[in-house]
Amino acid sequence: AYGQTVMIGKGLRNEDVIEAMKKEGAVYLTAIGGAGALLAKCIK
């Protein structure tokens, strides 16, 4: 509601979150769990 458009994490989201996404135009992206060392290589 304050303006966030992208959430990145892992796992399920509840219905309140999904309804807010539809209302606000936001998306939920999944990053692969267990790959934290590899993901860190993308952080500059």
All heavy atoms as atom14 arrays in JSON, in Angstrom:
{
  "sequence": "AYGQTVMIGKGLRNEDVIEAMKKEGAVYLTAIGGAGALLAKCIK",
  "atom14_mask": [
    [1, 1, 1, 1, 1, 0, 0, 0, 0, 0, 0, 0, 0, 0],
    [1, 1, 1, 1, 1, 1, 1, 1, 1, 1, 1, 1, 0, 0],
    [1, 1, 1, 1, 0, 0, 0, 0, 0, 0, 0, 0, 0, 0],
    [1, 1, 1, 1, 1, 1, 1, 1, 1, 0, 0, 0, 0, 0],
    [1, 1, 1, 1, 1, 1, 1, 0, 0, 0, 0, 0, 0, 0],
    [1, 1, 1, 1, 1, 1, 1, 0, 0, 0, 0, 0, 0, 0],
    [1, 1, 1, 1, 1, 1, 1, 1, 0, 0, 0, 0, 0, 0],
    [1, 1, 1, 1, 1, 1, 1, 1, 0, 0, 0, 0, 0, 0],
    [1, 1, 1, 1, 0, 0, 0, 0, 0, 0, 0, 0, 0, 0],
    [1, 1, 1, 1, 1, 1, 1, 1, 1, 0, 0, 0, 0, 0],
    [1, 1, 1, 1, 0, 0, 0, 0, 0, 0, 0, 0, 0, 0],
    [1, 1, 1, 1, 1, 1, 1, 1, 0, 0, 0, 0, 0, 0],
    [1, 1, 1, 1, 1, 1, 1, 1, 1, 1, 1, 0, 0, 0],
    [1, 1, 1, 1, 1, 1, 1, 1, 0, 0, 0, 0, 0, 0],
    [1, 1, 1, 1, 1, 1, 1, 1, 1, 0, 0, 0, 0, 0],
    [1, 1, 1, 1, 1, 1, 1, 1, 0, 0, 0, 0, 0, 0],
    [1, 1, 1, 1, 1, 1, 1, 0, 0, 0, 0, 0, 0, 0],
    [1, 1, 1, 1, 1, 1, 1, 1, 0, 0, 0, 0, 0, 0],
    [1, 1, 1, 1, 1, 1, 1, 1, 1, 0, 0, 0, 0, 0],
    [1, 1, 1, 1, 1, 0, 0, 0, 0, 0, 0, 0, 0, 0],
    [1, 1, 1, 1, 1, 1, 1, 1, 0, 0, 0, 0, 0, 0],
    [1, 1, 1, 1, 1, 1, 1, 1, 1, 0, 0, 0, 0, 0],
    [1, 1, 1, 1, 1, 1, 1, 1, 1, 0, 0, 0, 0, 0],
    [1, 1, 1, 1, 1, 1, 1, 1, 1, 0, 0, 0, 0, 0],
    [1, 1, 1, 1, 0, 0, 0, 0, 0, 0, 0, 0, 0, 0],
    [1, 1, 1, 1, 1, 0, 0, 0, 0, 0, 0, 0, 0, 0],
    [1, 1, 1, 1, 1, 1, 1, 0, 0, 0, 0, 0, 0, 0],
    [1, 1, 1, 1, 1, 1, 1, 1, 1, 1, 1, 1, 0, 0],
    [1, 1, 1, 1, 1, 1, 1, 1, 0, 0, 0, 0, 0, 0],
    [1, 1, 1, 1, 1, 1, 1, 0, 0, 0, 0, 0, 0, 0],
    [1, 1, 1, 1, 1, 0, 0, 0, 0, 0, 0, 0, 0, 0],
    [1, 1, 1, 1, 1, 1, 1, 1, 0, 0, 0, 0, 0, 0],
    [1, 1, 1, 1, 0, 0, 0, 0, 0, 0, 0, 0, 0, 0],
    [1, 1, 1, 1, 0, 0, 0, 0, 0, 0, 0, 0, 0, 0],
    [1, 1, 1, 1, 1, 0, 0, 0, 0, 0, 0, 0, 0, 0],
    [1, 1, 1, 1, 0, 0, 0, 0, 0, 0, 0, 0, 0, 0],
    [1, 1, 1, 1, 1, 0, 0, 0, 0, 0, 0, 0, 0, 0],
    [1, 1, 1, 1, 1, 1, 1, 1, 0, 0, 0, 0, 0, 0],
    [1, 1, 1, 1, 1, 1, 1, 1, 0, 0, 0, 0, 0, 0],
    [1, 1, 1, 1, 1, 0, 0, 0, 0, 0, 0, 0, 0, 0],
    [1, 1, 1, 1, 1, 1, 1, 1, 1, 0, 0, 0, 0, 0],
    [1, 1, 1, 1, 1, 1, 0, 0, 0, 0, 0, 0, 0, 0],
    [1, 1, 1, 1, 1, 1, 1, 1, 0, 0, 0, 0, 0, 0],
    [1, 1, 1, 1, 1, 1, 1, 1, 1, 0, 0, 0, 0, 0]
  ],
  "atom14_positions": [
    [[0.83, -1.21, 0.0], [0.0, 0.0, 0.0], [0.87, 1.26, 0.0], [0.48, 2.28, -0.58], [-0.94, 0.0, 1.2], [0.0, 0.0, 0.0], [0.0, 0.0, 0.0], [0.0, 0.0, 0.0], [0.0, 0.0, 0.0], [0.0, 0.0, 0.0], [0.0, 0.0, 0.0], [0.0, 0.0, 0.0], [0.0, 0.0, 0.0], [0.0, 0.0, 0.0]],
    [[2.05, 1.18, 0.61], [2.99, 2.31, 0.61], [3.77, 2.4, -0.7], [4.49, 3.37, -0.92], [3.96, 2.23, 1.79], [3.37, 2.64, 3.11], [3.29, 1.73, 4.16], [2.91, 3.93, 3.32], [2.76, 2.09, 5.39], [2.36, 4.31, 4.54], [2.29, 3.39, 5.57], [1.76, 3.76, 6.78], [0.0, 0.0, 0.0], [0.0, 0.0, 0.0]],
    [[3.69, 1.38, -1.57], [4.34, 1.48, -2.88], [5.29, 0.38, -3.27], [5.8, 0.37, -4.39], [0.0, 0.0, 0.0], [0.0, 0.0, 0.0], [0.0, 0.0, 0.0], [0.0, 0.0, 0.0], [0.0, 0.0, 0.0], [0.0, 0.0, 0.0], [0.0, 0.0, 0.0], [0.0, 0.0, 0.0], [0.0, 0.0, 0.0], [0.0, 0.0, 0.0]],
    [[5.56, -0.58, -2.37], [6.45, -1.69, -2.73], [5.85, -2.47, -3.9], [4.67, -2.77, -3.92], [6.65, -2.63, -1.53], [7.53, -3.82, -1.85], [7.63, -4.82, -0.7], [7.0, -4.67, 0.33], [8.44, -5.84, -0.9], [0.0, 0.0, 0.0], [0.0, 0.0, 0.0], [0.0, 0.0, 0.0], [0.0, 0.0, 0.0], [0.0, 0.0, 0.0]],
    [[6.69, -2.83, -4.87], [6.2, -3.57, -6.04], [6.77, -4.98, -6.16], [6.18, -5.81, -6.84], [6.55, -2.82, -7.35], [7.95, -2.55, -7.37], [5.75, -1.53, -7.48], [0.0, 0.0, 0.0], [0.0, 0.0, 0.0], [0.0, 0.0, 0.0], [0.0, 0.0, 0.0], [0.0, 0.0, 0.0], [0.0, 0.0, 0.0], [0.0, 0.0, 0.0]],
    [[7.9, -5.25, -5.52], [8.55, -6.56, -5.68], [8.91, -7.13, -4.31], [9.56, -6.45, -3.5], [9.83, -6.45, -6.55], [10.5, -7.81, -6.69], [9.52, -5.85, -7.91], [0.0, 0.0, 0.0], [0.0, 0.0, 0.0], [0.0, 0.0, 0.0], [0.0, 0.0, 0.0], [0.0, 0.0, 0.0], [0.0, 0.0, 0.0], [0.0, 0.0, 0.0]],
    [[8.5, -8.38, -4.09], [8.9, -9.15, -2.92], [9.69, -10.35, -3.44], [9.27, -10.98, -4.42], [7.67, -9.65, -2.16], [6.79, -8.53, -1.62], [5.19, -9.13, -1.04], [4.33, -9.37, -2.6], [0.0, 0.0, 0.0], [0.0, 0.0, 0.0], [0.0, 0.0, 0.0], [0.0, 0.0, 0.0], [0.0, 0.0, 0.0], [0.0, 0.0, 0.0]],
    [[10.81, -10.64, -2.79], [11.65, -11.78, -3.2], [11.89, -12.65, -1.98], [12.33, -12.15, -0.94], [13.0, -11.29, -3.77], [12.79, -10.26, -4.88], [13.84, -12.47, -4.26], [13.98, -9.38, -5.15], [0.0, 0.0, 0.0], [0.0, 0.0, 0.0], [0.0, 0.0, 0.0], [0.0, 0.0, 0.0], [0.0, 0.0, 0.0], [0.0, 0.0, 0.0]],
    [[11.62, -13.93, -2.1], [11.82, -14.84, -0.99], [11.64, -16.27, -1.43], [11.95, -16.62, -2.57], [0.0, 0.0, 0.0], [0.0, 0.0, 0.0], [0.0, 0.0, 0.0], [0.0, 0.0, 0.0], [0.0, 0.0, 0.0], [0.0, 0.0, 0.0], [0.0, 0.0, 0.0], [0.0, 0.0, 0.0], [0.0, 0.0, 0.0], [0.0, 0.0, 0.0]],
    [[11.1, -17.09, -0.52], [10.79, -18.48, -0.86], [9.56, -18.89, -0.05], [9.32, -18.38, 1.03], [11.97, -19.41, -0.58], [12.3, -19.57, 0.89], [13.43, -20.56, 1.1], [13.68, -20.71, 2.62], [14.76, -21.63, 2.89], [0.0, 0.0, 0.0], [0.0, 0.0, 0.0], [0.0, 0.0, 0.0], [0.0, 0.0, 0.0], [0.0, 0.0, 0.0]],
    [[8.79, -19.79, -0.61], [7.65, -20.34, 0.1], [6.33, -19.66, -0.21], [6.26, -18.67, -0.94], [0.0, 0.0, 0.0], [0.0, 0.0, 0.0], [0.0, 0.0, 0.0], [0.0, 0.0, 0.0], [0.0, 0.0, 0.0], [0.0, 0.0, 0.0], [0.0, 0.0, 0.0], [0.0, 0.0, 0.0], [0.0, 0.0, 0.0], [0.0, 0.0, 0.0]],
    [[5.28, -20.25, 0.35], [3.91, -19.82, 0.1], [3.6, -18.44, 0.69], [4.26, -18.02, 1.64], [2.94, -20.85, 0.69], [3.09, -22.28, 0.2], [2.2, -23.21, 1.01], [2.78, -22.38, -1.28], [0.0, 0.0, 0.0], [0.0, 0.0, 0.0], [0.0, 0.0, 0.0], [0.0, 0.0, 0.0], [0.0, 0.0, 0.0], [0.0, 0.0, 0.0]],
    [[2.59, -17.78, 0.13], [2.07, -16.52, 0.65], [0.6, -16.71, 0.97], [-0.1, -17.5, 0.33], [2.21, -15.38, -0.38], [3.61, -15.16, -0.93], [4.71, -15.05, 0.12], [4.59, -13.97, 1.08], [5.08, -12.75, 0.92], [5.75, -12.45, -0.17], [4.95, -11.84, 1.86], [0.0, 0.0, 0.0], [0.0, 0.0, 0.0], [0.0, 0.0, 0.0]],
    [[0.07, -15.95, 1.93], [-1.33, -16.12, 2.29], [-2.25, -15.31, 1.37], [-1.79, -14.5, 0.56], [-1.56, -15.84, 3.78], [-1.47, -14.38, 4.15], [-1.73, -13.47, 3.36], [-1.1, -14.12, 5.4], [0.0, 0.0, 0.0], [0.0, 0.0, 0.0], [0.0, 0.0, 0.0], [0.0, 0.0, 0.0], [0.0, 0.0, 0.0], [0.0, 0.0, 0.0]],
    [[-3.54, -15.54, 1.51], [-4.53, -14.9, 0.63], [-4.54, -13.38, 0.78], [-4.77, -12.67, -0.2], [-5.94, -15.46, 0.87], [-6.19, -16.76, 0.14], [-5.94, -16.69, -1.37], [-6.44, -15.76, -2.05], [-5.21, -17.57, -1.87], [0.0, 0.0, 0.0], [0.0, 0.0, 0.0], [0.0, 0.0, 0.0], [0.0, 0.0, 0.0], [0.0, 0.0, 0.0]],
    [[-4.32, -12.85, 1.99], [-4.29, -11.4, 2.17], [-3.17, -10.77, 1.34], [-3.34, -9.7, 0.74], [-4.11, -11.03, 3.64], [-5.33, -11.35, 4.49], [-6.43, -11.5, 3.92], [-5.18, -11.46, 5.72], [0.0, 0.0, 0.0], [0.0, 0.0, 0.0], [0.0, 0.0, 0.0], [0.0, 0.0, 0.0], [0.0, 0.0, 0.0], [0.0, 0.0, 0.0]],
    [[-2.03, -11.42, 1.3], [-0.9, -10.92, 0.52], [-1.23, -10.97, -0.97], [-1.01, -10.01, -1.71], [0.39, -11.72, 0.82], [1.52, -11.33, -0.13], [0.82, -11.51, 2.26], [0.0, 0.0, 0.0], [0.0, 0.0, 0.0], [0.0, 0.0, 0.0], [0.0, 0.0, 0.0], [0.0, 0.0, 0.0], [0.0, 0.0, 0.0], [0.0, 0.0, 0.0]],
    [[-1.81, -12.07, -1.42], [-2.14, -12.21, -2.84], [-3.19, -11.19, -3.25], [-3.08, -10.57, -4.32], [-2.57, -13.67, -3.14], [-1.38, -14.61, -2.92], [-3.1, -13.79, -4.57], [-1.73, -16.09, -2.94], [0.0, 0.0, 0.0], [0.0, 0.0, 0.0], [0.0, 0.0, 0.0], [0.0, 0.0, 0.0], [0.0, 0.0, 0.0], [0.0, 0.0, 0.0]],
    [[-4.19, -10.96, -2.42], [-5.21, -9.95, -2.72], [-4.58, -8.55, -2.79], [-4.92, -7.76, -3.66], [-6.35, -9.99, -1.71], [-7.26, -11.19, -1.88], [-7.86, -11.3, -3.28], [-8.39, -10.31, -3.8], [-7.79, -12.41, -3.86], [0.0, 0.0, 0.0], [0.0, 0.0, 0.0], [0.0, 0.0, 0.0], [0.0, 0.0, 0.0], [0.0, 0.0, 0.0]],
    [[-3.66, -8.26, -1.89], [-2.97, -6.97, -1.92], [-2.12, -6.83, -3.18], [-2.04, -5.74, -3.77], [-2.1, -6.79, -0.67], [0.0, 0.0, 0.0], [0.0, 0.0, 0.0], [0.0, 0.0, 0.0], [0.0, 0.0, 0.0], [0.0, 0.0, 0.0], [0.0, 0.0, 0.0], [0.0, 0.0, 0.0], [0.0, 0.0, 0.0], [0.0, 0.0, 0.0]],
    [[-1.51, -7.92, -3.62], [-0.71, -7.89, -4.85], [-1.6, -7.53, -6.04], [-1.22, -6.72, -6.88], [-0.05, -9.25, -5.09], [1.05, -9.57, -4.1], [1.63, -11.27, -4.23], [2.26, -11.29, -5.88], [0.0, 0.0, 0.0], [0.0, 0.0, 0.0], [0.0, 0.0, 0.0], [0.0, 0.0, 0.0], [0.0, 0.0, 0.0], [0.0, 0.0, 0.0]],
    [[-2.78, -8.13, -6.09], [-3.71, -7.85, -7.19], [-4.17, -6.39, -7.13], [-4.24, -5.71, -8.16], [-4.9, -8.81, -7.12], [-4.49, -10.23, -7.47], [-5.43, -11.37, -7.15], [-6.87, -11.2, -7.13], [-7.61, -12.46, -6.82], [0.0, 0.0, 0.0], [0.0, 0.0, 0.0], [0.0, 0.0, 0.0], [0.0, 0.0, 0.0], [0.0, 0.0, 0.0]],
    [[-4.47, -5.9, -5.96], [-4.93, -4.53, -5.78], [-3.83, -3.51, -6.11], [-4.07, -2.51, -6.78], [-5.41, -4.32, -4.34], [-5.86, -2.91, -4.04], [-6.26, -2.75, -2.59], [-6.62, -1.31, -2.32], [-6.79, -1.05, -0.89], [0.0, 0.0, 0.0], [0.0, 0.0, 0.0], [0.0, 0.0, 0.0], [0.0, 0.0, 0.0], [0.0, 0.0, 0.0]],
    [[-2.62, -3.79, -5.64], [-1.53, -2.8, -5.74], [-0.63, -2.98, -6.96], [0.22, -2.14, -7.22], [-0.67, -2.84, -4.47], [-1.44, -2.59, -3.18], [-2.03, -1.19, -3.07], [-1.63, -0.29, -3.83], [-2.92, -1.01, -2.22], [0.0, 0.0, 0.0], [0.0, 0.0, 0.0], [0.0, 0.0, 0.0], [0.0, 0.0, 0.0], [0.0, 0.0, 0.0]],
    [[-0.76, -4.09, -7.68], [0.09, -4.3, -8.85], [1.5, -4.73, -8.49], [2.47, -4.27, -9.09], [0.0, 0.0, 0.0], [0.0, 0.0, 0.0], [0.0, 0.0, 0.0], [0.0, 0.0, 0.0], [0.0, 0.0, 0.0], [0.0, 0.0, 0.0], [0.0, 0.0, 0.0], [0.0, 0.0, 0.0], [0.0, 0.0, 0.0], [0.0, 0.0, 0.0]],
    [[1.61, -5.61, -7.51], [2.93, -6.08, -7.06], [3.13, -7.54, -7.48], [2.19, -8.23, -7.85], [3.04, -5.95, -5.55], [0.0, 0.0, 0.0], [0.0, 0.0, 0.0], [0.0, 0.0, 0.0], [0.0, 0.0, 0.0], [0.0, 0.0, 0.0], [0.0, 0.0, 0.0], [0.0, 0.0, 0.0], [0.0, 0.0, 0.0], [0.0, 0.0, 0.0]],
    [[4.39, -8.0, -7.4], [4.72, -9.37, -7.76], [5.58, -10.01, -6.67], [6.27, -9.32, -5.92], [5.48, -9.47, -9.11], [4.58, -9.05, -10.26], [6.76, -8.68, -9.1], [0.0, 0.0, 0.0], [0.0, 0.0, 0.0], [0.0, 0.0, 0.0], [0.0, 0.0, 0.0], [0.0, 0.0, 0.0], [0.0, 0.0, 0.0], [0.0, 0.0, 0.0]],
    [[5.49, -11.35, -6.64], [6.3, -12.14, -5.72], [7.23, -13.01, -6.55], [6.78, -13.78, -7.4], [5.4, -13.0, -4.83], [6.13, -13.97, -3.95], [7.16, -13.55, -3.1], [5.78, -15.31, -3.93], [7.82, -14.45, -2.27], [6.43, -16.22, -3.1], [7.44, -15.78, -2.27], [8.09, -16.67, -1.45], [0.0, 0.0, 0.0], [0.0, 0.0, 0.0]],
    [[8.52, -12.83, -6.32], [9.54, -13.59, -7.02], [10.2, -14.55, -6.04], [10.4, -14.21, -4.88], [10.6, -12.66, -7.61], [10.1, -11.48, -8.45], [11.28, -10.61, -8.89], [9.31, -11.96, -9.64], [0.0, 0.0, 0.0], [0.0, 0.0, 0.0], [0.0, 0.0, 0.0], [0.0, 0.0, 0.0], [0.0, 0.0, 0.0], [0.0, 0.0, 0.0]],
    [[10.55, -15.73, -6.54], [11.24, -16.69, -5.71], [12.7, -16.76, -6.1], [13.03, -16.83, -7.29], [10.6, -18.1, -5.86], [9.25, -18.03, -5.41], [11.34, -19.13, -5.03], [0.0, 0.0, 0.0], [0.0, 0.0, 0.0], [0.0, 0.0, 0.0], [0.0, 0.0, 0.0], [0.0, 0.0, 0.0], [0.0, 0.0, 0.0], [0.0, 0.0, 0.0]],
    [[13.56, -16.7, -5.09], [14.99, -16.97, -5.26], [15.19, -18.39, -4.73], [14.5, -18.82, -3.8], [15.83, -15.97, -4.49], [0.0, 0.0, 0.0], [0.0, 0.0, 0.0], [0.0, 0.0, 0.0], [0.0, 0.0, 0.0], [0.0, 0.0, 0.0], [0.0, 0.0, 0.0], [0.0, 0.0, 0.0], [0.0, 0.0, 0.0], [0.0, 0.0, 0.0]],
    [[16.12, -19.11, -5.28], [16.29, -20.51, -4.93], [16.9, -20.67, -3.55], [18.02, -20.21, -3.29], [17.15, -21.23, -5.99], [16.55, -21.07, -7.39], [17.33, -22.71, -5.63], [15.12, -21.55, -7.54], [0.0, 0.0, 0.0], [0.0, 0.0, 0.0], [0.0, 0.0, 0.0], [0.0, 0.0, 0.0], [0.0, 0.0, 0.0], [0.0, 0.0, 0.0]],
    [[16.15, -21.33, -2.67], [16.64, -21.61, -1.33], [17.81, -22.58, -1.38], [17.87, -23.44, -2.26], [0.0, 0.0, 0.0], [0.0, 0.0, 0.0], [0.0, 0.0, 0.0], [0.0, 0.0, 0.0], [0.0, 0.0, 0.0], [0.0, 0.0, 0.0], [0.0, 0.0, 0.0], [0.0, 0.0, 0.0], [0.0, 0.0, 0.0], [0.0, 0.0, 0.0]],
    [[18.75, -22.45, -0.46], [19.91, -23.34, -0.42], [21.03, -22.93, -1.35], [22.06, -23.59, -1.4], [0.0, 0.0, 0.0], [0.0, 0.0, 0.0], [0.0, 0.0, 0.0], [0.0, 0.0, 0.0], [0.0, 0.0, 0.0], [0.0, 0.0, 0.0], [0.0, 0.0, 0.0], [0.0, 0.0, 0.0], [0.0, 0.0, 0.0], [0.0, 0.0, 0.0]],
    [[20.81, -21.84, -2.09], [21.83, -21.38, -3.04], [22.38, -20.01, -2.65], [22.81, -19.24, -3.5], [21.23, -21.34, -4.45], [0.0, 0.0, 0.0], [0.0, 0.0, 0.0], [0.0, 0.0, 0.0], [0.0, 0.0, 0.0], [0.0, 0.0, 0.0], [0.0, 0.0, 0.0], [0.0, 0.0, 0.0], [0.0, 0.0, 0.0], [0.0, 0.0, 0.0]],
    [[22.39, -19.73, -1.36], [22.82, -18.42, -0.88], [24.23, -18.02, -1.29], [24.5, -16.86, -1.61], [0.0, 0.0, 0.0], [0.0, 0.0, 0.0], [0.0, 0.0, 0.0], [0.0, 0.0, 0.0], [0.0, 0.0, 0.0], [0.0, 0.0, 0.0], [0.0, 0.0, 0.0], [0.0, 0.0, 0.0], [0.0, 0.0, 0.0], [0.0, 0.0, 0.0]],
    [[25.15, -18.98, -1.32], [26.53, -18.66, -1.73], [26.59, -18.29, -3.2], [27.32, -17.37, -3.59], [27.45, -19.84, -1.44], [0.0, 0.0, 0.0], [0.0, 0.0, 0.0], [0.0, 0.0, 0.0], [0.0, 0.0, 0.0], [0.0, 0.0, 0.0], [0.0, 0.0, 0.0], [0.0, 0.0, 0.0], [0.0, 0.0, 0.0], [0.0, 0.0, 0.0]],
    [[25.81, -18.98, -4.02], [25.77, -18.64, -5.45], [25.07, -17.31, -5.69], [25.51, -16.5, -6.5], [25.08, -19.76, -6.24], [25.86, -21.06, -6.33], [25.01, -22.15, -6.98], [27.14, -20.88, -7.11], [0.0, 0.0, 0.0], [0.0, 0.0, 0.0], [0.0, 0.0, 0.0], [0.0, 0.0, 0.0], [0.0, 0.0, 0.0], [0.0, 0.0, 0.0]],
    [[23.96, -17.08, -4.99], [23.24, -15.81, -5.13], [24.12, -14.63, -4.73], [24.05, -13.56, -5.33], [21.95, -15.84, -4.31], [20.87, -16.79, -4.81], [19.75, -16.92, -3.78], [20.32, -16.36, -6.16], [0.0, 0.0, 0.0], [0.0, 0.0, 0.0], [0.0, 0.0, 0.0], [0.0, 0.0, 0.0], [0.0, 0.0, 0.0], [0.0, 0.0, 0.0]],
    [[24.95, -14.83, -3.72], [25.85, -13.76, -3.25], [26.78, -13.29, -4.35], [27.2, -12.12, -4.36], [26.64, -14.23, -2.04], [0.0, 0.0, 0.0], [0.0, 0.0, 0.0], [0.0, 0.0, 0.0], [0.0, 0.0, 0.0], [0.0, 0.0, 0.0], [0.0, 0.0, 0.0], [0.0, 0.0, 0.0], [0.0, 0.0, 0.0], [0.0, 0.0, 0.0]],
    [[27.1, -14.15, -5.31], [27.99, -13.75, -6.41], [27.34, -12.73, -7.34], [28.02, -12.05, -8.08], [28.42, -14.99, -7.2], [29.31, -15.89, -6.38], [29.76, -17.11, -7.16], [30.6, -17.97, -6.23], [31.52, -18.81, -6.89], [0.0, 0.0, 0.0], [0.0, 0.0, 0.0], [0.0, 0.0, 0.0], [0.0, 0.0, 0.0], [0.0, 0.0, 0.0]],
    [[26.01, -12.62, -7.27], [25.29, -11.63, -8.09], [25.2, -10.28, -7.39], [24.72, -9.31, -7.96], [23.87, -12.13, -8.38], [23.82, -13.67, -9.3], [0.0, 0.0, 0.0], [0.0, 0.0, 0.0], [0.0, 0.0, 0.0], [0.0, 0.0, 0.0], [0.0, 0.0, 0.0], [0.0, 0.0, 0.0], [0.0, 0.0, 0.0], [0.0, 0.0, 0.0]],
    [[25.66, -10.23, -6.14], [25.61, -8.99, -5.36], [26.95, -8.28, -5.5], [27.98, -8.8, -5.09], [25.26, -9.29, -3.89], [23.89, -9.97, -3.82], [25.3, -8.01, -3.05], [23.54, -10.56, -2.46], [0.0, 0.0, 0.0], [0.0, 0.0, 0.0], [0.0, 0.0, 0.0], [0.0, 0.0, 0.0], [0.0, 0.0, 0.0], [0.0, 0.0, 0.0]],
    [[26.91, -7.1, -6.1], [28.14, -6.37, -6.4], [28.52, -5.37, -5.31], [29.67, -4.97, -5.2], [28.01, -5.65, -7.75], [27.66, -6.6, -8.91], [28.64, -7.75, -9.0], [28.26, -8.77, -10.05], [29.06, -9.97, -9.99], [0.0, 0.0, 0.0], [0.0, 0.0, 0.0], [0.0, 0.0, 0.0], [0.0, 0.0, 0.0], [0.0, 0.0, 0.0]]
  ]
}
